[in-house]
């Protein structure tokens, strides 16, 4: 959603009644919330027995005919509809407030982010903003819409070939865009743009103040005649405030066509993914070489110090713009905490006798990276090796898959899990993802794969690989980028994940049954996989051949980038030797 405010690290929902104040949050934050809340709050630990979700609490625990005030800029319109339906038995209603009551008492609230916006050259984007707008106009015209409102920040950035830094790790900026047949309007803080942005937009896009968005949208509805017969198209991620401004009966709420356009990368973007991952791989190899050397020499490093060294190596790379998320640098049992983030002031020492899981990525002008590698720099246990090998087999199964057009990530998810299932193992999954304010929130643990933006958000929809049924709504298509990251998480002991970014490509098959056409995956991540964690008795000849071929490719592509670091090159050659 497009609410311009900042939120603390703890994620949840606050419900304040006349008598009590409740904070609802899931299991990831139970401990943190109990430490930070004072006596004014009742902590509702969602997921525990007899603890309702905040939605159930509103529907079942509040008195009849309750009027529930909400900030409509922070509610997705379709979610508000579902909640309103659940309130009907008690005749309660949602009431959109013109002013957020929290803001009225939050006198020292930080200002809205307002960092500089900059153009992304077409040599990186591969398609001009004029071409993208024309494609969007054709879509809304063909489907008989008067206009569309682009509310998701990554969609705004992609459509206009602009980038920013208003949200940590995501090169986006706070803005809206309206596209109609006769106009395209960008609503942004004027202080964030300069002549380079105006020149890049080249008169194709009108610029208005961000604060004028809702009044402009209301007037546009009258001017263009939004109605049930001639509606405006709103994304299924648009806020309730946007829907109410145009009139609920005057809008069609559906998946944004920009999300679909953005998910399929053009040839320039695909080549950017390849090149950025090669450069990124060189930094990863230098880092793992350094870490291996430090541990072998008895150095004491905590997880945060290790992550800082990786960022240093990445920062030296061409076209580097920053990290794509906080590095997950985790040793031993911390690796089983799916989205673990080491606290610089209080985190574990990386130990040679424990599994080390590192999930990290970077933003480059030509692509976004996301790589996970699991290492053991000492002697792994038989349990650790068997689990790692099963995860590797699942990773290979996804990487080598050939499927007919129309196949979704929901269908192929079981490919990754089958080797684990043979041992009675499995891994958890993302139940849902949604936005609160400026943050993407994921509930539960870890899926098999997510879409990846091109110099945009590292997590991108609408496609993915997982057992969440929503993934079945979006078949994989040539040009999509997606992560391949099965894992296994032994609570209190260790975590394992192997992640490459892959590109969906057309496959040339001997036959073409049903004239469907077939798809395959091309991996672009270039970083060795720990052979020392493999149980060689478990893997098949074809799996061994895949690993050796992958390592040969990694060695060939990274060697030119490591000529200045002979120690890293020597380490790479050893790690890429045939199994």
Protein backbone atom coordinates (compact mmCIF):
# COMPACT_ATOMS: atom_id res chain seq x y z
CA UNK A 1 0.00 0.00 0.00
CA UNK A 2 1.01 3.61 -0.26
CA UNK A 3 0.78 5.08 3.22
CA UNK A 4 3.70 7.42 3.81
CA UNK A 5 4.77 6.69 7.36
CA UNK A 6 7.44 4.67 9.09
CA UNK A 7 6.92 1.65 11.34
CA UNK A 8 9.06 0.02 14.03
CA UNK A 9 10.57 -3.41 13.55
CA UNK A 10 7.80 -5.09 15.56
CA UNK A 11 4.86 -5.85 13.27
CA UNK A 12 1.29 -6.28 14.36
CA UNK A 13 -2.09 -4.65 14.72
CA UNK A 14 -3.17 -2.36 17.55
CA UNK A 15 -6.82 -2.33 18.64
CA UNK A 16 -7.72 0.41 21.12
CA UNK A 17 -11.13 0.30 22.79
CA UNK A 18 -12.63 2.59 25.41
CA UNK A 19 -11.36 0.27 28.13
CA UNK A 20 -8.20 -1.44 26.89
CA UNK A 21 -5.40 -1.34 24.33
CA UNK A 22 -4.48 -4.60 22.59
CA UNK A 23 -1.49 -5.48 20.45
CA UNK A 24 -1.92 -8.50 18.19
CA UNK A 25 1.27 -10.03 16.78
CA UNK A 26 2.45 -13.45 15.60
CA UNK A 27 5.00 -15.79 17.14
CA UNK A 28 8.03 -14.05 15.65
CA UNK A 29 7.43 -11.08 17.92
CA UNK A 30 5.92 -12.52 21.11
CA UNK A 31 9.17 -12.16 23.06
CA UNK A 32 10.02 -8.72 21.68
CA UNK A 33 6.53 -7.38 22.37
CA UNK A 34 6.49 -8.71 25.93
CA UNK A 35 9.76 -6.88 26.58
CA UNK A 36 8.73 -3.58 25.01
CA UNK A 37 5.08 -3.12 26.00
CA UNK A 38 4.21 -1.37 29.24
CA UNK A 39 1.26 -1.97 31.55
CA UNK A 40 -1.10 0.00 29.30
CA UNK A 41 -1.16 -2.80 26.73
CA UNK A 42 -2.60 -6.31 26.56
CA UNK A 43 -0.41 -8.53 24.39
CA UNK A 44 -2.42 -10.88 22.18
CA UNK A 45 -0.10 -13.68 21.09
CA UNK A 46 -1.65 -14.80 17.81
CA UNK A 47 -1.15 -18.46 17.04
CA UNK A 48 -1.46 -19.62 20.64
CA UNK A 49 -4.52 -21.60 21.77
CA UNK A 50 -7.62 -19.52 22.53
CA UNK A 51 -6.03 -16.31 21.24
CA UNK A 52 -8.11 -14.79 18.41
CA UNK A 53 -6.69 -12.94 15.45
CA UNK A 54 -7.37 -9.24 15.51
CA UNK A 55 -10.01 -9.70 12.81
CA UNK A 56 -11.83 -12.34 14.84
CA UNK A 57 -11.54 -10.12 17.91
CA UNK A 58 -13.27 -7.26 16.12
CA UNK A 59 -15.99 -9.54 14.79
CA UNK A 60 -16.67 -11.61 17.90
CA UNK A 61 -15.39 -9.87 21.03
CA UNK A 62 -16.56 -6.29 20.58
CA UNK A 63 -20.08 -5.28 21.58
CA UNK A 64 -22.86 -5.28 19.02
CA UNK A 65 -23.23 -2.25 16.79
CA UNK A 66 -19.65 -1.14 17.37
CA UNK A 67 -18.28 1.61 15.18
CA UNK A 68 -14.65 0.74 14.43
CA UNK A 69 -12.51 3.64 13.29
CA UNK A 70 -9.74 2.88 10.81
CA UNK A 71 -7.18 4.79 8.77
CA UNK A 72 -8.35 3.83 5.30
CA UNK A 73 -4.94 4.59 3.77
CA UNK A 74 -3.51 1.58 5.63
CA UNK A 75 -6.25 -0.93 4.75
CA UNK A 76 -6.35 -2.81 1.47
CA UNK A 77 -9.81 -2.27 0.00
CA UNK A 78 -10.52 -5.95 -0.66
CA UNK A 79 -9.46 -6.87 2.90
CA UNK A 80 -11.74 -4.18 4.30
CA UNK A 81 -14.64 -5.71 2.35
CA UNK A 82 -14.01 -9.13 3.92
CA UNK A 83 -13.72 -7.64 7.38
CA UNK A 84 -16.92 -5.66 6.95
CA UNK A 85 -18.72 -8.85 5.96
CA UNK A 86 -17.51 -10.58 9.14
CA UNK A 87 -18.85 -7.69 11.22
CA UNK A 88 -22.40 -7.90 9.87
CA UNK A 89 -23.77 -10.53 12.31
CA UNK A 90 -23.20 -8.07 15.15
CA UNK A 91 -24.24 -5.08 13.03
CA UNK A 92 -20.84 -3.47 13.58
CA UNK A 93 -19.26 -1.29 10.90
CA UNK A 94 -15.90 0.08 9.82
CA UNK A 95 -15.64 3.86 9.80
CA UNK A 96 -12.95 5.52 7.70
CA UNK A 97 -11.46 8.43 9.61
CA UNK A 98 -10.34 11.58 7.87
CA UNK A 99 -7.46 11.92 10.34
CA UNK A 100 -5.43 9.12 11.86
CA UNK A 101 -5.98 9.31 15.61
CA UNK A 102 -2.50 7.97 16.32
CA UNK A 103 -0.98 10.78 14.27
CA UNK A 104 -2.90 13.34 16.31
CA UNK A 105 -1.09 12.27 19.50
CA UNK A 106 2.23 11.22 17.91
CA UNK A 107 3.75 14.68 18.07
CA UNK A 108 7.32 13.59 17.30
CA UNK A 109 6.44 11.34 14.38
CA UNK A 110 9.33 11.15 11.87
CA UNK A 111 8.66 12.97 8.60
CA UNK A 112 7.73 11.12 5.46
CA UNK A 113 10.84 9.90 3.60
CA UNK A 114 11.81 12.34 0.87
CA UNK A 115 15.04 11.14 -0.72
CA UNK A 116 16.07 12.07 -4.23
CA UNK A 117 14.47 10.26 -7.16
CA UNK A 118 16.70 9.43 -10.12
CA UNK A 119 16.16 8.09 -13.66
CA UNK A 120 17.12 4.55 -14.62
CA UNK A 121 18.78 4.62 -18.02
CA UNK A 122 17.07 2.58 -20.73
CA UNK A 123 20.36 0.71 -21.21
CA UNK A 124 19.46 -0.98 -17.91
CA UNK A 125 15.65 -1.05 -18.16
CA UNK A 126 15.50 -2.20 -21.78
CA UNK A 127 12.23 -0.37 -22.45
CA UNK A 128 11.35 3.31 -22.31
CA UNK A 129 8.72 4.73 -20.01
CA UNK A 130 6.76 5.86 -23.07
CA UNK A 131 6.58 2.28 -24.32
CA UNK A 132 5.48 1.00 -20.92
CA UNK A 133 2.77 3.66 -20.57
CA UNK A 134 1.53 2.89 -24.11
CA UNK A 135 1.32 -0.81 -23.22
CA UNK A 136 -0.65 0.01 -20.09
CA UNK A 137 -2.99 2.34 -22.00
CA UNK A 138 -3.71 -0.39 -24.52
CA UNK A 139 -4.53 -2.79 -21.71
CA UNK A 140 -7.01 -0.48 -19.99
CA UNK A 141 -8.57 0.53 -23.32
CA UNK A 142 -9.02 -3.09 -24.41
CA UNK A 143 -10.74 -3.85 -21.11
CA UNK A 144 -12.92 -0.71 -21.29
CA UNK A 145 -11.56 1.14 -18.27
CA UNK A 146 -11.47 4.92 -18.11
CA UNK A 147 -8.17 4.99 -16.23
CA UNK A 148 -6.04 3.08 -13.76
CA UNK A 149 -4.38 4.11 -10.52
CA UNK A 150 -0.92 2.68 -9.81
CA UNK A 151 -0.49 2.50 -6.04
CA UNK A 152 2.30 -0.04 -5.44
CA UNK A 153 5.64 1.74 -5.16
CA UNK A 154 7.64 -0.79 -7.17
CA UNK A 155 5.07 -0.58 -9.96
CA UNK A 156 5.38 3.22 -10.04
CA UNK A 157 9.17 2.95 -10.23
CA UNK A 158 9.10 0.29 -12.95
CA UNK A 159 6.50 2.06 -15.09
CA UNK A 160 8.38 5.37 -15.18
CA UNK A 161 11.97 4.02 -15.16
CA UNK A 162 12.65 5.94 -11.97
CA UNK A 163 14.24 4.77 -8.74
CA UNK A 164 14.60 6.15 -5.22
CA UNK A 165 15.56 5.20 -1.68
CA UNK A 166 12.60 6.03 0.53
CA UNK A 167 12.46 2.46 1.87
CA UNK A 168 15.53 0.65 3.11
CA UNK A 169 16.84 -1.95 0.65
CA UNK A 170 14.09 -1.18 -1.92
CA UNK A 171 14.93 1.37 -4.65
CA UNK A 172 11.48 2.95 -4.64
CA UNK A 173 9.98 6.28 -3.65
CA UNK A 174 6.67 7.39 -2.18
CA UNK A 175 4.35 8.25 -5.08
CA UNK A 176 1.18 7.48 -7.01
CA UNK A 177 0.56 7.39 -10.75
CA UNK A 178 -2.70 7.82 -12.67
CA UNK A 179 -2.81 6.71 -16.30
CA UNK A 180 -5.74 7.56 -18.56
CA UNK A 181 -6.06 7.73 -22.34
CA UNK A 182 -5.14 11.41 -22.43
CA UNK A 183 -2.72 11.72 -19.52
CA UNK A 184 -0.20 10.12 -17.19
CA UNK A 185 0.28 11.91 -13.88
CA UNK A 186 2.96 11.32 -11.24
CA UNK A 187 2.17 12.44 -7.69
CA UNK A 188 5.39 12.91 -5.73
CA UNK A 189 6.98 15.29 -3.26
CA UNK A 190 8.34 18.08 -5.51
CA UNK A 191 11.53 18.31 -3.43
CA UNK A 192 12.45 14.77 -4.47
CA UNK A 193 12.77 15.45 -8.18
CA UNK A 194 15.12 17.62 -10.18
CA UNK A 195 15.72 18.51 -13.81
CA UNK A 196 17.25 15.10 -14.56
CA UNK A 197 13.92 13.44 -13.70
CA UNK A 198 11.90 15.99 -15.68
CA UNK A 199 14.21 15.53 -18.66
CA UNK A 200 13.95 11.74 -18.44
CA UNK A 201 10.14 11.86 -18.36
CA UNK A 202 10.35 13.99 -21.49
CA UNK A 203 6.93 15.60 -21.24
CA UNK A 204 5.15 12.24 -21.30
CA UNK A 205 4.22 12.49 -17.63
CA UNK A 206 2.67 15.38 -15.78
CA UNK A 207 4.04 15.98 -12.27
CA UNK A 208 1.78 16.93 -9.37
CA UNK A 209 2.36 17.21 -5.64
CA UNK A 210 1.94 13.99 -3.64
CA UNK A 211 -0.39 15.78 -1.24
CA UNK A 212 -2.77 16.67 -4.08
CA UNK A 213 -3.39 13.06 -5.09
CA UNK A 214 -6.75 12.41 -3.44
CA UNK A 215 -8.30 15.73 -4.46
CA UNK A 216 -7.05 15.24 -8.04
CA UNK A 217 -8.42 11.69 -8.15
CA UNK A 218 -11.80 12.84 -6.90
CA UNK A 219 -11.95 15.55 -9.56
CA UNK A 220 -10.79 13.17 -12.27
CA UNK A 221 -13.68 10.85 -11.48
CA UNK A 222 -16.10 13.65 -12.19
CA UNK A 223 -14.22 14.81 -15.28
CA UNK A 224 -13.93 11.38 -16.92
CA UNK A 225 -17.24 10.07 -15.63
CA UNK A 226 -16.23 7.05 -13.59
CA UNK A 227 -19.28 4.81 -13.23
CA UNK A 228 -20.30 1.20 -12.94
CA UNK A 229 -20.44 1.01 -16.74
CA UNK A 230 -17.19 2.95 -17.28
CA UNK A 231 -15.08 2.15 -14.23
CA UNK A 232 -11.57 2.95 -13.11
CA UNK A 233 -9.22 0.01 -12.62
CA UNK A 234 -7.74 -0.35 -9.14
CA UNK A 235 -5.13 -2.86 -8.06
CA UNK A 236 -6.14 -5.55 -5.58
CA UNK A 237 -3.46 -3.95 -3.37
CA UNK A 238 -5.03 -0.46 -3.54
CA UNK A 239 -6.02 1.09 -0.25
CA UNK A 240 -9.56 1.55 0.94
CA UNK A 241 -8.95 5.31 0.79
CA UNK A 242 -8.33 5.15 -2.97
CA UNK A 243 -11.44 3.02 -3.53
CA UNK A 244 -13.61 5.34 -1.47
CA UNK A 245 -12.31 8.40 -3.29
CA UNK A 246 -13.39 7.14 -6.70
CA UNK A 247 -16.57 5.55 -5.30
CA UNK A 248 -16.80 1.82 -4.62
CA UNK A 249 -19.35 1.26 -7.39
CA UNK A 250 -17.17 3.12 -9.88
CA UNK A 251 -14.12 0.88 -9.55
CA UNK A 252 -13.10 -2.59 -10.64
CA UNK A 253 -10.62 -4.14 -8.24
CA UNK A 254 -8.31 -6.63 -9.90
CA UNK A 255 -4.66 -7.57 -10.12
CA UNK A 256 -2.66 -4.71 -11.52
CA UNK A 257 -1.60 -5.19 -15.15
CA UNK A 258 1.63 -3.41 -14.22
CA UNK A 259 2.46 -6.29 -11.85
CA UNK A 260 2.12 -8.73 -14.73
CA UNK A 261 4.15 -6.59 -17.14
CA UNK A 262 6.89 -6.10 -14.57
CA UNK A 263 7.15 -9.79 -13.73
CA UNK A 264 8.26 -10.72 -17.26
CA UNK A 265 11.77 -9.40 -17.84
CA UNK A 266 12.92 -8.22 -21.24
CA UNK A 267 16.21 -9.28 -22.88
CA UNK A 268 18.13 -6.34 -21.41
CA UNK A 269 16.89 -7.04 -17.88
CA UNK A 270 17.68 -10.74 -18.22
CA UNK A 271 21.23 -10.01 -19.29
CA UNK A 272 21.49 -7.60 -16.38
CA UNK A 273 20.48 -10.39 -14.01
CA UNK A 274 23.20 -12.61 -15.46
CA UNK A 275 25.95 -10.02 -15.18
CA UNK A 276 24.98 -8.69 -11.74
CA UNK A 277 24.93 -12.23 -10.34
CA UNK A 278 28.40 -12.95 -11.71
CA UNK A 279 29.80 -9.82 -10.06
CA UNK A 280 27.89 -10.62 -6.88
CA UNK A 281 29.27 -14.15 -6.94
CA UNK A 282 32.82 -12.81 -6.88
CA UNK A 283 32.05 -10.88 -3.68
CA UNK A 284 30.49 -13.97 -2.10
CA UNK A 285 33.54 -16.07 -2.93
CA UNK A 286 35.88 -13.45 -1.48
CA UNK A 287 33.74 -13.37 1.65
CA UNK A 288 33.53 -17.12 2.18
CA UNK A 289 37.29 -17.40 1.53
CA UNK A 290 37.91 -14.75 4.17
CA UNK A 291 35.52 -16.33 6.66
CA UNK A 292 37.01 -19.80 6.16
CA UNK A 293 40.49 -18.36 6.70
CA UNK A 294 39.47 -16.39 9.80
CA UNK A 295 37.85 -19.40 11.46
CA UNK A 296 40.75 -21.68 10.57
CA UNK A 297 43.12 -19.24 12.27
CA UNK A 298 41.05 -19.10 15.44
CA UNK A 299 39.60 -15.61 14.98
CA UNK A 300 36.51 -14.75 17.03
CA UNK A 301 33.86 -13.10 14.87
CA UNK A 302 30.21 -12.57 15.63
CA UNK A 303 27.48 -12.90 13.03
CA UNK A 304 27.16 -9.15 12.54
CA UNK A 305 30.88 -8.59 12.05
CA UNK A 306 30.88 -11.32 9.42
CA UNK A 307 27.94 -9.72 7.58
CA UNK A 308 29.73 -6.34 7.60
CA UNK A 309 32.68 -7.88 5.78
CA UNK A 310 30.41 -9.27 3.09
CA UNK A 311 28.85 -5.84 2.59
CA UNK A 312 32.35 -4.34 2.27
CA UNK A 313 33.22 -6.74 -0.56
CA UNK A 314 29.92 -6.04 -2.31
CA UNK A 315 30.33 -2.27 -2.01
CA UNK A 316 33.46 -2.49 -4.16
CA UNK A 317 31.53 -3.92 -7.12
CA UNK A 318 30.60 -1.99 -10.26
CA UNK A 319 27.03 -0.63 -10.37
CA UNK A 320 26.47 -1.46 -6.68
CA UNK A 321 23.63 0.56 -5.11
CA UNK A 322 23.21 -1.09 -1.72
CA UNK A 323 21.96 -4.30 -0.13
CA UNK A 324 18.63 -5.80 -1.20
CA UNK A 325 17.76 -6.83 2.39
CA UNK A 326 19.42 -7.18 5.76
CA UNK A 327 21.97 -9.97 5.57
CA UNK A 328 20.93 -13.15 7.38
CA UNK A 329 24.25 -14.21 8.90
CA UNK A 330 23.40 -17.11 11.19
CA UNK A 331 25.39 -19.79 12.96
CA UNK A 332 24.16 -23.03 14.51
CA UNK A 333 20.61 -22.83 15.92
CA UNK A 334 20.13 -19.28 14.64
CA UNK A 335 20.03 -20.70 11.11
CA UNK A 336 16.72 -22.35 11.98
CA UNK A 337 15.19 -18.92 12.61
CA UNK A 338 13.95 -18.22 9.11
CA UNK A 339 14.38 -14.45 8.88
CA UNK A 340 17.01 -14.10 11.57
CA UNK A 341 18.84 -10.77 11.77
CA UNK A 342 21.94 -10.55 13.98
CA UNK A 343 21.92 -7.75 16.54
CA UNK A 344 25.32 -6.02 16.29
CA UNK A 345 25.31 -5.57 20.06
CA UNK A 346 24.15 -9.05 20.98
CA UNK A 347 24.64 -11.91 18.54
CA UNK A 348 26.34 -15.27 18.40
CA UNK A 349 29.97 -16.00 17.60
CA UNK A 350 30.39 -17.84 14.29
CA UNK A 351 31.73 -21.26 15.20
CA UNK A 352 33.75 -23.59 13.01
CA UNK A 353 31.97 -26.62 14.46
CA UNK A 354 28.49 -25.37 13.51
CA UNK A 355 26.59 -24.95 10.25
CA UNK A 356 26.68 -21.37 8.99
CA UNK A 357 23.78 -20.08 6.85
CA UNK A 358 24.17 -16.83 4.93
CA UNK A 359 21.24 -15.37 2.98
CA UNK A 360 22.15 -12.06 1.37
CA UNK A 361 21.70 -9.91 -1.70
CA UNK A 362 22.47 -6.61 -3.37
CA UNK A 363 20.95 -3.96 -5.57
CA UNK A 364 22.77 -3.10 -8.79
CA UNK A 365 21.69 -0.79 -11.58
CA UNK A 366 21.39 -3.85 -13.82
CA UNK A 367 19.77 -6.31 -11.41
CA UNK A 368 18.87 -7.51 -7.93
CA UNK A 369 20.56 -10.49 -6.29
CA UNK A 370 19.44 -12.91 -3.57
CA UNK A 371 21.68 -15.86 -2.69
CA UNK A 372 21.74 -18.32 0.19
CA UNK A 373 24.61 -20.67 0.90
CA UNK A 374 25.03 -23.05 3.80
CA UNK A 375 28.56 -23.98 4.88
CA UNK A 376 30.33 -26.06 7.47
CA UNK A 377 33.95 -25.04 7.95
CA UNK A 378 34.64 -27.98 10.28
CA UNK A 379 33.32 -31.54 10.38
CA UNK A 380 29.55 -31.86 9.92
CA UNK A 381 27.48 -34.55 11.58
CA UNK A 382 25.81 -37.34 9.63
CA UNK A 383 22.42 -35.74 10.36
CA UNK A 384 23.57 -32.40 8.95
CA UNK A 385 25.01 -34.00 5.82
CA UNK A 386 21.91 -36.06 5.13
CA UNK A 387 19.59 -33.08 5.57
CA UNK A 388 21.81 -30.87 3.39
CA UNK A 389 21.91 -33.51 0.66
CA UNK A 390 18.13 -33.82 0.65
CA UNK A 391 17.82 -30.03 0.32
CA UNK A 392 20.36 -30.06 -2.53
CA UNK A 393 18.41 -32.79 -4.32
CA UNK A 394 15.26 -30.66 -4.08
CA UNK A 395 17.16 -27.65 -5.40
CA UNK A 396 18.43 -29.67 -8.36
CA UNK A 397 14.92 -30.99 -9.05
CA UNK A 398 13.60 -27.44 -9.45
CA UNK A 399 16.63 -26.29 -11.45
CA UNK A 400 16.29 -29.13 -13.98
CA UNK A 401 12.50 -29.09 -14.26
CA UNK A 402 10.88 -28.95 -17.71
CA UNK A 403 7.15 -28.22 -17.58
CA UNK A 404 4.39 -27.30 -20.04
CA UNK A 405 3.19 -23.73 -20.37
CA UNK A 406 0.42 -23.08 -17.89
CA UNK A 407 2.25 -24.75 -15.00
CA UNK A 408 2.35 -22.73 -11.79
CA UNK A 409 4.83 -22.59 -8.95
CA UNK A 410 2.19 -24.24 -6.78
CA UNK A 411 2.40 -27.34 -8.99
CA UNK A 412 6.20 -27.69 -8.99
CA UNK A 413 6.68 -26.98 -5.28
CA UNK A 414 6.49 -30.70 -4.52
CA UNK A 415 9.53 -31.30 -6.76
CA UNK A 416 11.67 -29.56 -4.13
CA UNK A 417 10.08 -31.34 -1.17
CA UNK A 418 10.09 -34.92 -2.47
CA UNK A 419 13.68 -35.75 -1.40
CA UNK A 420 12.98 -34.39 2.08
CA UNK A 421 9.73 -36.32 2.26
CA UNK A 422 11.67 -39.53 1.62
CA UNK A 423 13.31 -38.93 5.01
CA UNK A 424 10.13 -37.74 6.69
CA UNK A 425 11.33 -34.13 6.62
CA UNK A 426 9.80 -30.91 5.29
CA UNK A 427 10.07 -27.14 5.61
CA UNK A 428 7.58 -24.50 6.41
CA UNK A 429 6.14 -21.91 4.08
CA UNK A 430 4.84 -18.41 3.55
CA UNK A 431 1.15 -18.41 4.41
CA UNK A 432 0.58 -14.89 3.11
CA UNK A 433 2.32 -11.65 2.21
CA UNK A 434 0.85 -8.19 2.47
CA UNK A 435 1.82 -4.59 3.07
CA UNK A 436 1.40 -2.44 6.15
CA UNK A 437 2.34 1.12 5.38
CA UNK A 438 5.69 1.00 3.64
CA UNK A 439 6.65 -2.52 4.68
CA UNK A 440 6.08 -5.90 3.04
CA UNK A 441 5.00 -8.38 5.70
CA UNK A 442 5.30 -12.16 5.29
CA UNK A 443 3.53 -14.47 7.72
CA UNK A 444 4.95 -17.83 8.77
CA UNK A 445 8.21 -19.20 7.54
CA UNK A 446 9.74 -19.90 4.16
CA UNK A 447 8.51 -20.96 0.75
CA UNK A 448 10.39 -22.60 -2.11
CA UNK A 449 10.65 -19.49 -4.25
CA UNK A 450 9.58 -15.90 -4.79
CA UNK A 451 9.69 -13.52 -7.72
CA UNK A 452 12.66 -11.12 -7.87
CA UNK A 453 12.48 -7.55 -9.13
CA UNK A 454 14.95 -5.96 -11.55
CA UNK A 455 16.75 -3.33 -9.48
CA UNK A 456 13.55 -3.28 -7.46
CA UNK A 457 12.08 -5.20 -4.54
CA UNK A 458 13.86 -8.49 -3.90
CA UNK A 459 10.45 -10.08 -3.24
CA UNK A 460 8.15 -9.56 -6.20
CA UNK A 461 4.79 -11.02 -7.18
CA UNK A 462 2.49 -12.21 -8.45
CA UNK A 463 4.24 -15.55 -9.04
CA UNK A 464 6.10 -17.81 -6.64
CA UNK A 465 6.83 -21.43 -5.77
CA UNK A 466 5.06 -22.75 -2.70
CA UNK A 467 2.08 -24.57 -1.26
CA UNK A 468 0.08 -21.36 -0.79
CA UNK A 469 -2.85 -21.88 -3.18
CA UNK A 470 -2.65 -18.29 -4.46
CA UNK A 471 0.49 -19.27 -6.39
CA UNK A 472 -1.73 -21.45 -8.57
CA UNK A 473 -3.39 -18.31 -9.93
CA UNK A 474 -0.26 -17.27 -11.83
CA UNK A 475 1.36 -19.73 -14.23
CA UNK A 476 5.07 -19.43 -14.85
CA UNK A 477 5.96 -17.59 -18.06
CA UNK A 478 9.14 -17.15 -20.04
CA UNK A 479 11.01 -14.11 -18.74
CA UNK A 480 9.95 -14.42 -15.11
CA UNK A 481 12.68 -14.40 -12.47
CA UNK A 482 12.22 -16.50 -9.38
CA UNK A 483 14.27 -17.88 -6.51
CA UNK A 484 14.89 -21.59 -6.03
CA UNK A 485 15.44 -22.02 -2.30
CA UNK A 486 14.32 -25.22 -0.59
CA UNK A 487 15.57 -25.68 2.94
CA UNK A 488 15.35 -27.57 6.19
CA UNK A 489 15.16 -26.00 9.65
CA UNK A 490 15.88 -28.07 12.74
CA UNK A 491 14.68 -25.86 15.58
CA UNK A 492 17.36 -25.28 18.18
CA UNK A 493 20.03 -27.05 16.12
CA UNK A 494 20.70 -25.74 12.60
CA UNK A 495 19.20 -24.37 9.39
CA UNK A 496 19.92 -25.29 5.77
CA UNK A 497 18.95 -23.39 2.63
CA UNK A 498 20.40 -23.37 -0.89
CA UNK A 499 19.15 -20.48 -3.01
CA UNK A 500 19.78 -19.52 -6.61
CA UNK A 501 17.88 -17.01 -8.72
CA UNK A 502 16.59 -18.60 -11.91
CA UNK A 503 14.99 -17.27 -15.09
CA UNK A 504 12.06 -19.01 -16.74
CA UNK A 505 12.98 -19.76 -20.37
CA UNK A 506 11.35 -21.48 -23.34
CA UNK A 507 12.50 -25.10 -23.63
CA UNK A 508 13.21 -26.88 -26.89
CA UNK A 509 11.79 -30.37 -26.44
CA UNK A 510 11.78 -33.29 -28.92
CA UNK A 511 7.99 -33.19 -28.95
CA UNK A 512 5.32 -30.61 -28.23
CA UNK A 513 2.32 -32.53 -26.97
CA UNK A 514 -0.87 -30.50 -27.08
CA UNK A 515 0.96 -27.63 -28.81
CA UNK A 516 1.45 -26.06 -25.39
CA UNK A 517 5.14 -25.29 -25.55
CA UNK A 518 7.44 -26.08 -22.64
CA UNK A 519 9.49 -24.15 -20.10
CA UNK A 520 12.80 -24.68 -18.33
CA UNK A 521 14.86 -22.72 -15.79
CA UNK A 522 18.21 -20.99 -16.23
CA UNK A 523 20.19 -20.38 -13.05
CA UNK A 524 22.08 -17.08 -12.88
CA UNK A 525 23.49 -17.24 -9.33
CA UNK A 526 27.18 -18.09 -9.40
CA UNK A 527 28.54 -19.34 -6.08
CA UNK A 528 29.89 -22.74 -5.02
CA UNK A 529 27.78 -25.20 -3.03
CA UNK A 530 29.49 -26.87 -0.05
CA UNK A 531 30.62 -30.35 -1.19
CA UNK A 532 31.71 -31.12 2.35
CA UNK A 533 28.07 -31.21 3.45
CA UNK A 534 27.04 -33.75 0.80
CA UNK A 535 26.37 -37.39 1.59
CA UNK A 536 27.79 -38.87 -1.60
CA UNK A 537 25.96 -42.16 -1.05
CA UNK A 538 22.60 -40.43 -1.37
CA UNK A 539 22.97 -38.58 -4.63
CA UNK A 540 22.39 -40.08 -8.05
CA UNK A 541 24.76 -39.99 -11.01
CA UNK A 542 22.66 -37.29 -12.71
CA UNK A 543 22.66 -35.16 -9.55
CA UNK A 544 26.43 -35.53 -9.25
CA UNK A 545 26.79 -34.52 -12.91
CA UNK A 546 24.59 -31.48 -12.33
CA UNK A 547 26.72 -30.34 -9.38
CA UNK A 548 29.99 -30.81 -11.25
CA UNK A 549 28.64 -28.97 -14.31
CA UNK A 550 27.36 -26.14 -12.12
CA UNK A 551 30.71 -25.79 -10.38
CA UNK A 552 32.54 -25.79 -13.72
CA UNK A 553 30.28 -22.95 -14.86
CA UNK A 554 30.84 -21.01 -11.63
CA UNK A 555 34.62 -21.41 -11.94
CA UNK A 556 34.63 -20.29 -15.57
CA UNK A 557 32.47 -17.21 -14.99
CA UNK A 558 34.02 -16.01 -11.72
CA UNK A 559 37.72 -16.57 -12.51
CA UNK A 560 38.08 -13.33 -14.55
CA UNK A 561 36.62 -11.35 -11.62
CA UNK A 562 39.00 -12.76 -9.02
CA UNK A 563 42.36 -12.13 -10.67
CA UNK A 564 43.11 -9.45 -8.07
CA UNK A 565 42.46 -11.86 -5.18
CA UNK A 566 44.62 -14.95 -5.64
CA UNK A 567 43.64 -16.46 -2.28
CA UNK A 568 39.95 -16.30 -3.22
CA UNK A 569 40.68 -17.76 -6.64
CA UNK A 570 42.57 -20.67 -5.10
CA UNK A 571 39.69 -21.26 -2.67
CA UNK A 572 37.21 -21.15 -5.57
CA UNK A 573 39.15 -23.72 -7.57
CA UNK A 574 39.18 -26.08 -4.61
CA UNK A 575 35.47 -25.63 -3.88
CA UNK A 576 34.59 -26.13 -7.56
CA UNK A 577 36.64 -29.30 -8.05
CA UNK A 578 34.57 -32.29 -9.21
CA UNK A 579 32.79 -34.36 -6.59
